[in-house]
Amino acid sequence: MRHRLDLIGDIHGELPALENLGRELGYAVADGWRHPEGRLPIFLGDLVDRGAHSFEVASLVRELDLRGRALCLMGNHEYNLVAWSLGVPGYERPKKSNSTTIAEIERQRDAWQPLLDWMRDLPLALDLPDLRVIHACWHVPSLDLVTPHLEAPRRPPTEGGTAAWVRSHVALRSPFEGGSLVAGLPGDTADHDAIIPHEDLIKGFELPAEKPFRDNDGKLRTRVRATWWSSARELVLTDKPQVFGHYWNVPPVEGQFAPPHPSGHPDLRAWCDPLAKVCPETGSVPLEGDFACVDFNGVTNARADLACVGALRWPEREVVWAMGPKTATTTPGASD
């Protein structure tokens, strides 16, 4: 059986853009996201925050997941919400990036609790025979530390179609268990300067900056998030093609399949803003190389009126994107 997948990047509550992308990919969006070819959407996390429809997006993906019509990985924004809801040390207070969502949760706790319970159990990574899938990166030093605690048992599916087959390739399970983090995970989450390996996999690892710089929020930084696809490759698994989100990017209108500058760095905005403003509202291009970053939040931040969501069609190796009316942005520029 040839399994056909659509790997969908960061949505951040932008429901109109997601629905337009679904139609661009051939899904009957109004009919439970059915696809005539039986394709399976895989969401790479960061469903929530910033846009006005975090609840609606998370509810949609949860319903598709529970019905076996999709699979979702944990992004750093899902992680942050769950860690806050469980009172994980270091997450007792809302972050700038999720403060609006948390205020909504506190107003509608009964409605949000099933979503938080579902987010808590989302896996971190998929290791398919011909593709690696994760929210940020397969950072080898972090993998060495967390795999003994989070490695998922590999069981070939005994029945079911593409969804069951994909689930049988979960490589790392959720870092949460019950009402807290999985016992034995290294790192002190109360120390914001500590290196926490399971967080590096969904937030990206950092390296010393060539010189201090102020990020998009004005904070002085001495470390910079690694652009591992162009440097520091020796620190990342690169034995297979891989798709990821997290790092603000724009559709590859100039053949750039991952951003040339780190998230949060002012050089990134200087690069992506001009491209984002002239990017077609829909499009598709063949994937060049083996790294595809399908987080097109760079467009959403640069455009006053439109948000963008992207995907990688696999095994066709085609990057697809679509824009939709931008909803009320909650925290522009927040990157944590």
C-alpha atoms as a PDB file:
ATOM      1  CA  MET A   1       0.000   0.000   0.000  1.00  0.00           C
ATOM      2  CA  ARG A   2       1.348   3.394  -0.968  1.00  0.00           C
ATOM      3  CA  HIS A   3       0.693   5.827   1.865  1.00  0.00           C
ATOM      4  CA  ARG A   4       0.088   9.415   0.783  1.00  0.00           C
ATOM      5  CA  LEU A   5       0.592  12.131   3.372  1.00  0.00           C
ATOM      6  CA  ASP A   6       0.130  15.867   3.699  1.00  0.00           C
ATOM      7  CA  LEU A   7       2.402  17.263   6.404  1.00  0.00           C
ATOM      8  CA  ILE A   8       0.930  20.558   7.553  1.00  0.00           C
ATOM      9  CA  GLY A   9       2.991  23.218   9.298  1.00  0.00           C
ATOM     10  CA  ASP A  10       2.259  25.778  11.994  1.00  0.00           C
ATOM     11  CA  ILE A  11      -1.313  27.147  11.954  1.00  0.00           C
ATOM     12  CA  HIS A  12      -1.411  29.377  15.062  1.00  0.00           C
ATOM     13  CA  GLY A  13      -5.168  29.766  15.141  1.00  0.00           C
ATOM     14  CA  GLU A  14      -5.503  30.939  11.529  1.00  0.00           C
ATOM     15  CA  LEU A  15      -8.527  28.860  10.574  1.00  0.00           C
ATOM     16  CA  PRO A  16      -9.393  30.514   7.205  1.00  0.00           C
ATOM     17  CA  ALA A  17      -5.855  29.931   5.922  1.00  0.00           C
ATOM     18  CA  LEU A  18      -5.968  26.301   7.091  1.00  0.00           C
ATOM     19  CA  GLU A  19      -9.270  25.688   5.339  1.00  0.00           C
ATOM     20  CA  ASN A  20      -7.952  27.241   2.132  1.00  0.00           C
ATOM     21  CA  LEU A  21      -4.882  25.019   2.336  1.00  0.00           C
ATOM     22  CA  GLY A  22      -7.108  21.974   2.838  1.00  0.00           C
ATOM     23  CA  ARG A  23      -9.018  22.818  -0.326  1.00  0.00           C
ATOM     24  CA  GLU A  24      -5.757  23.459  -2.184  1.00  0.00           C
ATOM     25  CA  LEU A  25      -4.600  19.970  -1.165  1.00  0.00           C
ATOM     26  CA  GLY A  26      -7.843  18.446  -2.430  1.00  0.00           C
ATOM     27  CA  TYR A  27      -9.683  17.806   0.846  1.00  0.00           C
ATOM     28  CA  ALA A  28     -13.445  18.164   1.169  1.00  0.00           C
ATOM     29  CA  VAL A  29     -13.025  20.540   4.077  1.00  0.00           C
ATOM     30  CA  ALA A  30     -16.767  20.851   4.741  1.00  0.00           C
ATOM     31  CA  ASP A  31     -17.154  17.054   4.749  1.00  0.00           C
ATOM     32  CA  GLY A  32     -14.821  16.037   7.560  1.00  0.00           C
ATOM     33  CA  TRP A  33     -11.645  16.665   5.595  1.00  0.00           C
ATOM     34  CA  ARG A  34     -12.167  13.634   3.364  1.00  0.00           C
ATOM     35  CA  HIS A  35      -9.818  13.182   0.433  1.00  0.00           C
ATOM     36  CA  PRO A  36     -10.689  11.279  -2.765  1.00  0.00           C
ATOM     37  CA  GLU A  37      -7.224   9.674  -2.743  1.00  0.00           C
ATOM     38  CA  GLY A  38      -7.449   8.678   0.913  1.00  0.00           C
ATOM     39  CA  ARG A  39      -4.595  10.997   1.867  1.00  0.00           C
ATOM     40  CA  LEU A  40      -3.781  11.576   5.543  1.00  0.00           C
ATOM     41  CA  PRO A  41      -3.030  15.011   7.030  1.00  0.00           C
ATOM     42  CA  ILE A  42      -0.265  15.063   9.638  1.00  0.00           C
ATOM     43  CA  PHE A  43      -0.093  18.259  11.675  1.00  0.00           C
ATOM     44  CA  LEU A  44       3.359  19.285  12.887  1.00  0.00           C
ATOM     45  CA  GLY A  45       2.141  21.185  15.953  1.00  0.00           C
ATOM     46  CA  ASP A  46       1.687  24.848  16.913  1.00  0.00           C
ATOM     47  CA  LEU A  47      -2.025  24.756  16.245  1.00  0.00           C
ATOM     48  CA  VAL A  48      -2.689  27.496  18.781  1.00  0.00           C
ATOM     49  CA  ASP A  49      -1.849  31.070  19.877  1.00  0.00           C
ATOM     50  CA  ARG A  50      -1.611  34.348  17.942  1.00  0.00           C
ATOM     51  CA  GLY A  51      -4.602  33.919  15.618  1.00  0.00           C
ATOM     52  CA  ALA A  52      -8.209  34.259  16.771  1.00  0.00           C
ATOM     53  CA  HIS A  53      -9.259  30.626  16.254  1.00  0.00           C
ATOM     54  CA  SER A  54      -6.986  28.558  18.476  1.00  0.00           C
ATOM     55  CA  PHE A  55      -9.933  26.724  20.018  1.00  0.00           C
ATOM     56  CA  GLU A  56     -11.533  25.976  16.643  1.00  0.00           C
ATOM     57  CA  VAL A  57      -8.280  24.774  15.049  1.00  0.00           C
ATOM     58  CA  ALA A  58      -7.349  22.552  17.995  1.00  0.00           C
ATOM     59  CA  SER A  59     -10.890  21.166  18.165  1.00  0.00           C
ATOM     60  CA  LEU A  60     -10.854  20.338  14.451  1.00  0.00           C
ATOM     61  CA  VAL A  61      -7.493  18.557  14.564  1.00  0.00           C
ATOM     62  CA  ARG A  62      -8.408  16.686  17.745  1.00  0.00           C
ATOM     63  CA  GLU A  63     -11.640  15.442  16.129  1.00  0.00           C
ATOM     64  CA  LEU A  64      -9.790  14.312  12.994  1.00  0.00           C
ATOM     65  CA  ASP A  65      -7.173  12.582  15.132  1.00  0.00           C
ATOM     66  CA  LEU A  66      -9.699  10.771  17.307  1.00  0.00           C
ATOM     67  CA  ARG A  67     -11.581   9.593  14.197  1.00  0.00           C
ATOM     68  CA  GLY A  68      -8.410   8.226  12.602  1.00  0.00           C
ATOM     69  CA  ARG A  69      -8.391  10.836   9.833  1.00  0.00           C
ATOM     70  CA  ALA A  70      -5.264  12.689  10.927  1.00  0.00           C
ATOM     71  CA  LEU A  71      -2.322  12.612  13.284  1.00  0.00           C
ATOM     72  CA  CYS A  72      -0.794  15.507  15.201  1.00  0.00           C
ATOM     73  CA  LEU A  73       2.628  16.020  16.759  1.00  0.00           C
ATOM     74  CA  MET A  74       3.348  18.254  19.729  1.00  0.00           C
ATOM     75  CA  GLY A  75       4.684  21.717  18.990  1.00  0.00           C
ATOM     76  CA  ASN A  76       6.239  24.056  21.507  1.00  0.00           C
ATOM     77  CA  HIS A  77       2.979  26.011  21.836  1.00  0.00           C
ATOM     78  CA  GLU A  78       1.022  22.879  22.801  1.00  0.00           C
ATOM     79  CA  TYR A  79       3.850  21.977  25.167  1.00  0.00           C
ATOM     80  CA  ASN A  80       3.753  25.417  26.805  1.00  0.00           C
ATOM     81  CA  LEU A  81      -0.014  25.258  27.370  1.00  0.00           C
ATOM     82  CA  VAL A  82       0.109  21.768  28.858  1.00  0.00           C
ATOM     83  CA  ALA A  83       3.091  22.643  31.067  1.00  0.00           C
ATOM     84  CA  TRP A  84       1.196  25.691  32.349  1.00  0.00           C
ATOM     85  CA  SER A  85      -1.966  23.680  32.970  1.00  0.00           C
ATOM     86  CA  LEU A  86      -0.012  21.072  34.961  1.00  0.00           C
ATOM     87  CA  GLY A  87       2.017  23.620  36.923  1.00  0.00           C
ATOM     88  CA  VAL A  88       5.378  22.381  35.618  1.00  0.00           C
ATOM     89  CA  PRO A  89       8.155  24.400  37.340  1.00  0.00           C
ATOM     90  CA  GLY A  90       9.034  27.403  35.200  1.00  0.00           C
ATOM     91  CA  TYR A  91       5.595  27.499  33.556  1.00  0.00           C
ATOM     92  CA  GLU A  92       3.427  28.750  36.408  1.00  0.00           C
ATOM     93  CA  ARG A  93       2.834  32.062  34.656  1.00  0.00           C
ATOM     94  CA  PRO A  94       1.643  32.589  31.067  1.00  0.00           C
ATOM     95  CA  LYS A  95       4.233  33.412  28.447  1.00  0.00           C
ATOM     96  CA  LYS A  96       3.785  36.420  26.203  1.00  0.00           C
ATOM     97  CA  SER A  97       3.088  34.057  23.309  1.00  0.00           C
ATOM     98  CA  ASN A  98       0.212  32.227  25.009  1.00  0.00           C
ATOM     99  CA  SER A  99      -1.205  34.741  27.487  1.00  0.00           C
ATOM    100  CA  THR A 100      -4.312  35.441  25.400  1.00  0.00           C
ATOM    101  CA  THR A 101      -5.015  31.714  24.923  1.00  0.00           C
ATOM    102  CA  ILE A 102      -4.583  31.080  28.636  1.00  0.00           C
ATOM    103  CA  ALA A 103      -6.994  33.899  29.450  1.00  0.00           C
ATOM    104  CA  GLU A 104      -9.513  32.204  27.158  1.00  0.00           C
ATOM    105  CA  ILE A 105      -8.900  28.836  28.838  1.00  0.00           C
ATOM    106  CA  GLU A 106      -9.486  30.348  32.239  1.00  0.00           C
ATOM    107  CA  ARG A 107     -12.814  31.761  31.033  1.00  0.00           C
ATOM    108  CA  GLN A 108     -13.893  28.467  29.408  1.00  0.00           C
ATOM    109  CA  ARG A 109     -12.057  25.754  31.317  1.00  0.00           C
ATOM    110  CA  ASP A 110     -14.697  23.070  30.750  1.00  0.00           C
ATOM    111  CA  ALA A 111     -14.559  23.558  26.971  1.00  0.00           C
ATOM    112  CA  TRP A 112     -10.758  23.611  26.852  1.00  0.00           C
ATOM    113  CA  GLN A 113     -10.007  20.738  29.236  1.00  0.00           C
ATOM    114  CA  PRO A 114     -10.578  17.950  26.650  1.00  0.00           C
ATOM    115  CA  LEU A 115      -8.197  19.784  24.302  1.00  0.00           C
ATOM    116  CA  LEU A 116      -5.521  20.125  26.983  1.00  0.00           C
ATOM    117  CA  ASP A 117      -5.881  16.423  27.841  1.00  0.00           C
ATOM    118  CA  TRP A 118      -5.446  15.547  24.164  1.00  0.00           C
ATOM    119  CA  MET A 119      -2.447  17.878  23.725  1.00  0.00           C
ATOM    120  CA  ARG A 120      -0.795  16.310  26.768  1.00  0.00           C
ATOM    121  CA  ASP A 121      -0.564  12.953  24.978  1.00  0.00           C
ATOM    122  CA  LEU A 122       0.656  14.126  21.565  1.00  0.00           C
ATOM    123  CA  PRO A 123       3.856  12.406  20.386  1.00  0.00           C
ATOM    124  CA  LEU A 124       7.042  14.316  19.616  1.00  0.00           C
ATOM    125  CA  ALA A 125       8.374  12.611  16.491  1.00  0.00           C
ATOM    126  CA  LEU A 126       7.693  10.224  13.613  1.00  0.00           C
ATOM    127  CA  ASP A 127      10.412   8.127  11.996  1.00  0.00           C
ATOM    128  CA  LEU A 128       8.921   6.895   8.716  1.00  0.00           C
ATOM    129  CA  PRO A 129      10.855   4.595   6.386  1.00  0.00           C
ATOM    130  CA  ASP A 130      11.673   7.468   4.024  1.00  0.00           C
ATOM    131  CA  LEU A 131      10.984  10.617   6.056  1.00  0.00           C
ATOM    132  CA  ARG A 132      11.662  12.109   9.481  1.00  0.00           C
ATOM    133  CA  VAL A 133       8.947  14.329  11.002  1.00  0.00           C
ATOM    134  CA  ILE A 134       9.305  16.583  14.066  1.00  0.00           C
ATOM    135  CA  HIS A 135       8.293  20.079  15.103  1.00  0.00           C
ATOM    136  CA  ALA A 136      11.820  21.542  15.257  1.00  0.00           C
ATOM    137  CA  CYS A 137      14.864  19.271  14.960  1.00  0.00           C
ATOM    138  CA  TRP A 138      16.406  15.835  15.493  1.00  0.00           C
ATOM    139  CA  HIS A 139      19.156  17.170  17.765  1.00  0.00           C
ATOM    140  CA  VAL A 140      21.438  14.221  18.464  1.00  0.00           C
ATOM    141  CA  PRO A 141      22.719  15.220  21.951  1.00  0.00           C
ATOM    142  CA  SER A 142      19.120  15.804  23.084  1.00  0.00           C
ATOM    143  CA  LEU A 143      17.918  12.572  21.509  1.00  0.00           C
ATOM    144  CA  ASP A 144      20.614  10.637  23.353  1.00  0.00           C
ATOM    145  CA  LEU A 145      19.323  12.003  26.665  1.00  0.00           C
ATOM    146  CA  VAL A 146      15.566  11.664  26.144  1.00  0.00           C
ATOM    147  CA  THR A 147      15.259   8.478  24.084  1.00  0.00           C
ATOM    148  CA  PRO A 148      15.678   6.138  27.090  1.00  0.00           C
ATOM    149  CA  HIS A 149      12.640   7.847  28.657  1.00  0.00           C
ATOM    150  CA  LEU A 150      10.454   8.606  25.621  1.00  0.00           C
ATOM    151  CA  GLU A 151      11.208   5.951  23.002  1.00  0.00           C
ATOM    152  CA  ALA A 152       7.934   4.545  21.720  1.00  0.00           C
ATOM    153  CA  PRO A 153       7.618   0.783  21.160  1.00  0.00           C
ATOM    154  CA  ARG A 154       7.514  -0.084  17.472  1.00  0.00           C
ATOM    155  CA  ARG A 155       4.553  -2.343  16.714  1.00  0.00           C
ATOM    156  CA  PRO A 156       3.562  -3.017  13.106  1.00  0.00           C
ATOM    157  CA  PRO A 157      -0.149  -2.300  12.639  1.00  0.00           C
ATOM    158  CA  THR A 158      -2.280  -5.418  12.534  1.00  0.00           C
ATOM    159  CA  GLU A 159      -5.165  -3.641  10.853  1.00  0.00           C
ATOM    160  CA  GLY A 160      -6.237  -0.239   9.604  1.00  0.00           C
ATOM    161  CA  GLY A 161      -4.986   1.960   6.811  1.00  0.00           C
ATOM    162  CA  THR A 162      -2.590   4.866   6.578  1.00  0.00           C
ATOM    163  CA  ALA A 163      -3.374   6.320  10.005  1.00  0.00           C
ATOM    164  CA  ALA A 164      -2.547   3.054  11.784  1.00  0.00           C
ATOM    165  CA  TRP A 165       0.612   2.677   9.713  1.00  0.00           C
ATOM    166  CA  VAL A 166       1.781   6.191  10.614  1.00  0.00           C
ATOM    167  CA  ARG A 167       1.075   5.643  14.322  1.00  0.00           C
ATOM    168  CA  SER A 168       3.218   2.512  14.233  1.00  0.00           C
ATOM    169  CA  HIS A 169       6.172   4.780  13.359  1.00  0.00           C
ATOM    170  CA  VAL A 170       5.956   7.101  16.358  1.00  0.00           C
ATOM    171  CA  ALA A 171       9.568   7.420  17.513  1.00  0.00           C
ATOM    172  CA  LEU A 172       9.171   9.558  20.642  1.00  0.00           C
ATOM    173  CA  ARG A 173       6.066   9.711  22.818  1.00  0.00           C
ATOM    174  CA  SER A 174       4.811  12.669  24.813  1.00  0.00           C
ATOM    175  CA  PRO A 175       7.105  14.080  27.520  1.00  0.00           C
ATOM    176  CA  PHE A 176       4.065  14.211  29.846  1.00  0.00           C
ATOM    177  CA  GLU A 177       2.685  11.327  31.851  1.00  0.00           C
ATOM    178  CA  GLY A 178      -0.259  11.675  34.166  1.00  0.00           C
ATOM    179  CA  GLY A 179      -0.096  15.069  35.822  1.00  0.00           C
ATOM    180  CA  SER A 180       3.573  15.893  35.277  1.00  0.00           C
ATOM    181  CA  LEU A 181       6.619  15.375  33.085  1.00  0.00           C
ATOM    182  CA  VAL A 182       7.805  11.815  32.507  1.00  0.00           C
ATOM    183  CA  ALA A 183       9.966  10.754  35.434  1.00  0.00           C
ATOM    184  CA  GLY A 184      13.680  10.868  34.744  1.00  0.00           C
ATOM    185  CA  LEU A 185      13.706  13.470  31.984  1.00  0.00           C
ATOM    186  CA  PRO A 186      16.878  15.513  32.472  1.00  0.00           C
ATOM    187  CA  GLY A 187      16.858  19.261  33.019  1.00  0.00           C
ATOM    188  CA  ASP A 188      15.490  21.716  35.563  1.00  0.00           C
ATOM    189  CA  THR A 189      12.543  23.489  33.956  1.00  0.00           C
ATOM    190  CA  ALA A 190      12.586  26.111  36.720  1.00  0.00           C
ATOM    191  CA  ASP A 191      16.021  27.284  35.530  1.00  0.00           C
ATOM    192  CA  HIS A 192      15.434  29.230  32.306  1.00  0.00           C
ATOM    193  CA  ASP A 193      19.172  29.115  31.490  1.00  0.00           C
ATOM    194  CA  ALA A 194      19.278  25.323  31.709  1.00  0.00           C
ATOM    195  CA  ILE A 195      19.448  23.197  28.576  1.00  0.00           C
ATOM    196  CA  ILE A 196      16.372  20.969  28.588  1.00  0.00           C
ATOM    197  CA  PRO A 197      16.824  18.282  25.920  1.00  0.00           C
ATOM    198  CA  HIS A 198      13.199  17.340  25.306  1.00  0.00           C
ATOM    199  CA  GLU A 199      12.430  21.038  24.795  1.00  0.00           C
ATOM    200  CA  ASP A 200      15.292  21.399  22.305  1.00  0.00           C
ATOM    201  CA  LEU A 201      13.511  18.908  20.029  1.00  0.00           C
ATOM    202  CA  ILE A 202      10.425  21.131  19.773  1.00  0.00           C
ATOM    203  CA  LYS A 203      11.953  24.584  20.359  1.00  0.00           C
ATOM    204  CA  GLY A 204      15.272  24.243  18.552  1.00  0.00           C
ATOM    205  CA  PHE A 205      18.727  24.109  20.083  1.00  0.00           C
ATOM    206  CA  GLU A 206      20.907  27.180  20.483  1.00  0.00           C
ATOM    207  CA  LEU A 207      24.569  27.979  19.895  1.00  0.00           C
ATOM    208  CA  PRO A 208      26.681  30.946  21.042  1.00  0.00           C
ATOM    209  CA  ALA A 209      25.976  34.018  18.904  1.00  0.00           C
ATOM    210  CA  GLU A 210      28.841  35.638  17.018  1.00  0.00           C
ATOM    211  CA  LYS A 211      27.927  38.839  18.859  1.00  0.00           C
ATOM    212  CA  PRO A 212      25.070  39.858  21.166  1.00  0.00           C
ATOM    213  CA  PHE A 213      21.888  40.981  19.432  1.00  0.00           C
ATOM    214  CA  ARG A 214      18.392  42.137  20.303  1.00  0.00           C
ATOM    215  CA  ASP A 215      15.621  39.807  19.185  1.00  0.00           C
ATOM    216  CA  ASN A 216      12.230  40.829  17.800  1.00  0.00           C
ATOM    217  CA  ASP A 217      10.974  41.434  21.343  1.00  0.00           C
ATOM    218  CA  GLY A 218      13.922  43.660  22.179  1.00  0.00           C
ATOM    219  CA  LYS A 219      15.595  41.151  24.512  1.00  0.00           C
ATOM    220  CA  LEU A 220      19.393  41.078  24.420  1.00  0.00           C
ATOM    221  CA  ARG A 221      20.599  37.613  23.412  1.00  0.00           C
ATOM    222  CA  THR A 222      24.035  35.997  23.610  1.00  0.00           C
ATOM    223  CA  ARG A 223      22.901  32.667  22.175  1.00  0.00           C
ATOM    224  CA  VAL A 224      21.169  32.129  18.863  1.00  0.00           C
ATOM    225  CA  ARG A 225      18.818  29.404  17.648  1.00  0.00           C
ATOM    226  CA  ALA A 226      20.811  27.203  15.271  1.00  0.00           C
ATOM    227  CA  THR A 227      19.953  27.124  11.566  1.00  0.00           C
ATOM    228  CA  TRP A 228      20.994  23.479  11.570  1.00  0.00           C
ATOM    229  CA  TRP A 229      20.019  22.858   7.924  1.00  0.00           C
ATOM    230  CA  SER A 230      22.805  25.183   6.748  1.00  0.00           C
ATOM    231  CA  SER A 231      25.321  24.745   9.578  1.00  0.00           C
ATOM    232  CA  ALA A 232      25.904  22.490  12.592  1.00  0.00           C
ATOM    233  CA  ARG A 233      24.546  19.530  10.606  1.00  0.00           C
ATOM    234  CA  GLU A 234      26.848  17.250  12.556  1.00  0.00           C
ATOM    235  CA  LEU A 235      24.560  17.829  15.561  1.00  0.00           C
ATOM    236  CA  VAL A 236      21.384  16.682  13.798  1.00  0.00           C
ATOM    237  CA  LEU A 237      20.224  13.400  12.246  1.00  0.00           C
ATOM    238  CA  THR A 238      20.386  13.918   8.489  1.00  0.00           C
ATOM    239  CA  ASP A 239      20.169  10.350   7.207  1.00  0.00           C
ATOM    240  CA  LYS A 240      16.701  10.866   5.662  1.00  0.00           C
ATOM    241  CA  PRO A 241      14.656  13.681   4.180  1.00  0.00           C
ATOM    242  CA  GLN A 242      12.879  15.616   6.886  1.00  0.00           C
ATOM    243  CA  VAL A 243      10.004  18.015   7.276  1.00  0.00           C
ATOM    244  CA  PHE A 244       9.617  20.372  10.198  1.00  0.00           C
ATOM    245  CA  GLY A 245       7.944  23.606  11.246  1.00  0.00           C
ATOM    246  CA  HIS A 246       8.777  26.049  14.030  1.00  0.00           C
ATOM    247  CA  TYR A 247      11.328  28.229  12.225  1.00  0.00           C
ATOM    248  CA  TRP A 248       9.579  31.209  10.649  1.00  0.00           C
ATOM    249  CA  ASN A 249       9.806  30.798   6.911  1.00  0.00           C
ATOM    250  CA  VAL A 250       8.113  31.917   3.703  1.00  0.00           C
ATOM    251  CA  PRO A 251       7.007  29.698   0.813  1.00  0.00           C
ATOM    252  CA  PRO A 252      10.041  28.771  -1.322  1.00  0.00           C
ATOM    253  CA  VAL A 253       9.333  31.282  -4.085  1.00  0.00           C
ATOM    254  CA  GLU A 254      13.087  31.644  -4.587  1.00  0.00           C
ATOM    255  CA  GLY A 255      14.048  28.042  -3.893  1.00  0.00           C
ATOM    256  CA  GLN A 256      14.662  28.650  -0.170  1.00  0.00           C
ATOM    257  CA  PHE A 257      13.189  25.614   1.606  1.00  0.00           C
ATOM    258  CA  ALA A 258      14.372  26.656   5.062  1.00  0.00           C
ATOM    259  CA  PRO A 259      15.109  30.183   6.342  1.00  0.00           C
ATOM    260  CA  PRO A 260      18.699  31.425   6.113  1.00  0.00           C
ATOM    261  CA  HIS A 261      18.589  33.162   9.517  1.00  0.00           C
ATOM    262  CA  PRO A 262      17.565  32.071  13.029  1.00  0.00           C
ATOM    263  CA  SER A 263      14.064  32.602  14.398  1.00  0.00           C
ATOM    264  CA  GLY A 264      13.928  35.771  16.485  1.00  0.00           C
ATOM    265  CA  HIS A 265      16.983  37.284  14.806  1.00  0.00           C
ATOM    266  CA  PRO A 266      16.402  40.674  13.101  1.00  0.00           C
ATOM    267  CA  ASP A 267      18.139  39.416   9.951  1.00  0.00           C
ATOM    268  CA  LEU A 268      15.308  36.921   9.509  1.00  0.00           C
ATOM    269  CA  ARG A 269      12.675  39.644   9.285  1.00  0.00           C
ATOM    270  CA  ALA A 270      14.853  41.651   6.912  1.00  0.00           C
ATOM    271  CA  TRP A 271      15.033  38.600   4.640  1.00  0.00           C
ATOM    272  CA  CYS A 272      11.488  37.301   4.849  1.00  0.00           C
ATOM    273  CA  ASP A 273       9.381  40.477   4.893  1.00  0.00           C
ATOM    274  CA  PRO A 274      10.068  41.569   1.292  1.00  0.00           C
ATOM    275  CA  LEU A 275       9.452  38.028  -0.010  1.00  0.00           C
ATOM    276  CA  ALA A 276       6.322  37.560   2.079  1.00  0.00           C
ATOM    277  CA  LYS A 277       4.723  40.696   0.680  1.00  0.00           C
ATOM    278  CA  VAL A 278       5.024  39.523  -2.939  1.00  0.00           C
ATOM    279  CA  CYS A 279       4.359  35.809  -2.391  1.00  0.00           C
ATOM    280  CA  PRO A 280       1.359  34.433  -4.376  1.00  0.00           C
ATOM    281  CA  GLU A 281      -1.648  33.643  -2.216  1.00  0.00           C
ATOM    282  CA  THR A 282      -1.569  29.991  -3.300  1.00  0.00           C
ATOM    283  CA  GLY A 283       1.096  27.912  -4.942  1.00  0.00           C
ATOM    284  CA  SER A 284       3.140  24.745  -5.106  1.00  0.00           C
ATOM    285  CA  VAL A 285       6.725  23.935  -6.014  1.00  0.00           C
ATOM    286  CA  PRO A 286       8.774  20.722  -6.109  1.00  0.00           C
ATOM    287  CA  LEU A 287      10.931  20.147  -3.051  1.00  0.00           C
ATOM    288  CA  GLU A 288      14.623  20.733  -3.668  1.00  0.00           C
ATOM    289  CA  GLY A 289      16.985  18.892  -1.369  1.00  0.00           C
ATOM    290  CA  ASP A 290      15.983  16.967   1.732  1.00  0.00           C
ATOM    291  CA  PHE A 291      14.902  19.665   4.222  1.00  0.00           C
ATOM    292  CA  ALA A 292      11.446  21.280   4.118  1.00  0.00           C
ATOM    293  CA  CYS A 293      10.418  23.897   6.690  1.00  0.00           C
ATOM    294  CA  VAL A 294       6.660  24.385   6.298  1.00  0.00           C
ATOM    295  CA  ASP A 295       6.149  27.019   8.995  1.00  0.00           C
ATOM    296  CA  PHE A 296       5.055  30.004   6.907  1.00  0.00           C
ATOM    297  CA  ASN A 297       4.417  32.278   9.871  1.00  0.00           C
ATOM    298  CA  GLY A 298       6.868  34.682   8.248  1.00  0.00           C
ATOM    299  CA  VAL A 299       4.120  35.575   5.779  1.00  0.00           C
ATOM    300  CA  THR A 300       1.504  35.904   8.507  1.00  0.00           C
ATOM    301  CA  ASN A 301       3.680  38.400  10.367  1.00  0.00           C
ATOM    302  CA  ALA A 302       4.673  40.406   7.306  1.00  0.00           C
ATOM    303  CA  ARG A 303       1.218  40.720   5.741  1.00  0.00           C
ATOM    304  CA  ALA A 304      -1.335  43.001   7.349  1.00  0.00           C
ATOM    305  CA  ASP A 305      -4.323  41.225   5.822  1.00  0.00           C
ATOM    306  CA  LEU A 306      -3.382  37.602   5.136  1.00  0.00           C
ATOM    307  CA  ALA A 307      -2.147  34.545   7.019  1.00  0.00           C
ATOM    308  CA  CYS A 308      -0.369  31.595   5.386  1.00  0.00           C
ATOM    309  CA  VAL A 309      -0.283  27.866   6.146  1.00  0.00           C
ATOM    310  CA  GLY A 310       1.859  25.375   4.236  1.00  0.00           C
ATOM    311  CA  ALA A 311       2.349  21.659   3.752  1.00  0.00           C
ATOM    312  CA  LEU A 312       4.612  19.054   2.203  1.00  0.00           C
ATOM    313  CA  ARG A 313       2.886  16.463   0.043  1.00  0.00           C
ATOM    314  CA  TRP A 314       4.654  13.112   0.431  1.00  0.00           C
ATOM    315  CA  PRO A 315       5.884  11.074  -1.397  1.00  0.00           C
ATOM    316  CA  GLU A 316       5.270  13.592  -4.182  1.00  0.00           C
ATOM    317  CA  ARG A 317       7.864  15.943  -2.611  1.00  0.00           C
ATOM    318  CA  GLU A 318       5.744  19.004  -3.307  1.00  0.00           C
ATOM    319  CA  VAL A 319       5.513  22.079  -1.076  1.00  0.00           C
ATOM    320  CA  VAL A 320       2.018  23.646  -1.131  1.00  0.00           C
ATOM    321  CA  TRP A 321       0.721  26.782   0.551  1.00  0.00           C
ATOM    322  CA  ALA A 322      -2.429  28.873   0.800  1.00  0.00           C
ATOM    323  CA  MET A 323      -3.370  32.137   2.455  1.00  0.00           C
ATOM    324  CA  GLY A 324      -6.601  33.279   4.054  1.00  0.00           C
ATOM    325  CA  PRO A 325      -7.969  36.377   5.789  1.00  0.00           C
ATOM    326  CA  LYS A 326      -5.820  37.111   8.792  1.00  0.00           C
ATOM    327  CA  THR A 327      -7.633  36.831  12.106  1.00  0.00           C
ATOM    328  CA  ALA A 328      -7.025  38.974  15.165  1.00  0.00           C
ATOM    329  CA  THR A 329      -3.356  38.490  15.986  1.00  0.00           C
ATOM    330  CA  THR A 330      -2.768  38.231  19.699  1.00  0.00           C
ATOM    331  CA  THR A 331       0.983  38.545  20.186  1.00  0.00           C
ATOM    332  CA  PRO A 332       2.862  39.627  17.050  1.00  0.00           C
ATOM    333  CA  GLY A 333       6.559  38.858  17.224  1.00  0.00           C
ATOM    334  CA  ALA A 334       6.412  36.472  20.168  1.00  0.00           C
ATOM    335  CA  SER A 335       8.670  33.492  19.430  1.00  0.00           C
ATOM    336  CA  ASP A 336       8.750  31.397  22.586  1.00  0.00           C
END
